[in-house]
Amino acid sequence: MTARGGTTTTVGLPHPQHRFSVSAASLVAEERTVRGSYLGSAVPDRDLPRFIGLHRAGRLPVERLLTHRIGLDGINAGLDRLADGQGVRQVLVIESRD
């Protein structure tokens, strides 16, 4: 799916025994690149202030990425949703008792 001269970036971690194969001839002859990305290859000191600024400016709609908000009593259900692929981005909300 990567165009000639393009880069494919892997995301997520598959099972350690899973493999993927790529034609070496395709990589060389078509000058394609395959690279990994661990945790989005983020640099927190650089990226978090930028993401916060984008969110505050309305340009990074974080709320649309959330599938569930859960409390401490909902952790087990949240983990079940993750295992079932039903809850991709969940936020643990802890209410203060002040």
Protein backbone atom coordinates (compact mmCIF):
# COMPACT_ATOMS: atom_id res chain seq x y z
CA MET A 1 0.00 0.00 0.00
CA THR A 2 2.98 2.31 0.37
CA ALA A 3 3.72 4.38 -2.72
CA ARG A 4 7.10 4.25 -4.44
CA GLY A 5 9.52 6.23 -2.25
CA GLY A 6 7.05 6.21 0.67
CA THR A 7 7.34 5.22 4.29
CA THR A 8 5.23 2.69 6.16
CA THR A 9 5.15 3.27 9.91
CA THR A 10 4.05 0.44 12.16
CA VAL A 11 1.87 1.22 15.17
CA GLY A 12 0.80 -0.93 18.10
CA LEU A 13 2.47 -4.05 19.35
CA PRO A 14 1.41 -7.39 17.89
CA HIS A 15 1.82 -10.69 19.67
CA PRO A 16 5.59 -11.39 19.96
CA GLN A 17 5.28 -14.52 17.81
CA HIS A 18 3.54 -12.72 14.93
CA ARG A 19 5.73 -11.77 11.98
CA PHE A 20 5.24 -9.70 8.89
CA SER A 21 7.15 -10.00 5.67
CA VAL A 22 8.08 -7.49 3.02
CA SER A 23 9.66 -8.09 -0.34
CA ALA A 24 13.29 -6.96 -0.12
CA ALA A 25 13.26 -6.25 -3.84
CA SER A 26 10.31 -3.89 -3.37
CA LEU A 27 12.09 -2.02 -0.58
CA VAL A 28 15.22 -1.52 -2.63
CA ALA A 29 13.91 -1.10 -6.18
CA GLU A 30 11.04 1.16 -5.17
CA GLU A 31 12.95 2.98 -2.40
CA ARG A 32 10.36 2.21 0.26
CA THR A 33 10.98 2.52 4.00
CA VAL A 34 9.53 0.59 6.94
CA ARG A 35 9.90 2.07 10.40
CA GLY A 36 8.53 1.41 13.85
CA SER A 37 6.87 3.85 16.20
CA TYR A 38 6.92 3.24 19.94
CA LEU A 39 4.22 5.20 21.80
CA GLY A 40 3.87 7.46 18.79
CA SER A 41 7.58 8.28 18.89
CA ALA A 42 6.61 11.22 21.05
CA VAL A 43 9.07 13.45 22.87
CA PRO A 44 6.97 14.59 25.86
CA ASP A 45 8.88 17.83 26.55
CA ARG A 46 8.39 18.87 22.93
CA ASP A 47 5.05 17.32 22.05
CA LEU A 48 2.79 17.64 25.11
CA PRO A 49 2.82 21.48 25.17
CA ARG A 50 2.04 21.45 21.45
CA PHE A 51 -0.85 18.98 21.88
CA ILE A 52 -2.26 21.01 24.79
CA GLY A 53 -2.06 24.17 22.69
CA LEU A 54 -3.81 22.48 19.78
CA HIS A 55 -6.54 21.20 22.10
CA ARG A 56 -7.08 24.60 23.69
CA ALA A 57 -7.29 26.16 20.21
CA GLY A 58 -9.99 23.66 19.26
CA ARG A 59 -7.78 21.98 16.67
CA LEU A 60 -7.31 18.65 18.52
CA PRO A 61 -10.73 17.31 19.54
CA VAL A 62 -9.56 14.88 22.21
CA GLU A 63 -13.12 14.22 23.42
CA ARG A 64 -13.95 12.60 20.07
CA LEU A 65 -11.18 10.03 20.65
CA LEU A 66 -12.65 8.81 23.95
CA THR A 67 -14.92 5.79 23.98
CA HIS A 68 -15.68 5.72 27.72
CA ARG A 69 -15.19 7.61 30.97
CA ILE A 70 -14.98 5.26 33.92
CA GLY A 71 -14.68 5.51 37.69
CA LEU A 72 -12.69 3.22 39.94
CA ASP A 73 -15.69 0.93 40.20
CA GLY A 74 -15.66 0.52 36.41
CA ILE A 75 -12.05 -0.60 35.96
CA ASN A 76 -12.86 -4.29 35.47
CA ALA A 77 -15.53 -3.52 32.90
CA GLY A 78 -13.08 -1.14 31.19
CA LEU A 79 -10.42 -3.84 30.99
CA ASP A 80 -13.00 -6.25 29.58
CA ARG A 81 -13.92 -3.67 26.90
CA LEU A 82 -10.22 -3.30 25.99
CA ALA A 83 -9.83 -7.08 25.68
CA ASP A 84 -12.96 -7.25 23.50
CA GLY A 85 -11.89 -4.31 21.33
CA GLN A 86 -14.95 -2.29 22.44
CA GLY A 87 -13.21 0.46 24.38
CA VAL A 88 -10.21 1.92 22.63
CA ARG A 89 -9.58 5.10 24.64
CA GLN A 90 -10.99 5.16 28.14
CA VAL A 91 -10.34 7.75 30.82
CA LEU A 92 -10.31 6.98 34.51
CA VAL A 93 -12.13 9.78 36.33
CA ILE A 94 -11.36 10.08 40.02
CA GLU A 95 -13.65 12.42 41.92
CA SER A 96 -12.05 14.39 44.74
CA ARG A 97 -13.75 14.31 48.13
CA ASP A 98 -12.77 17.80 49.25
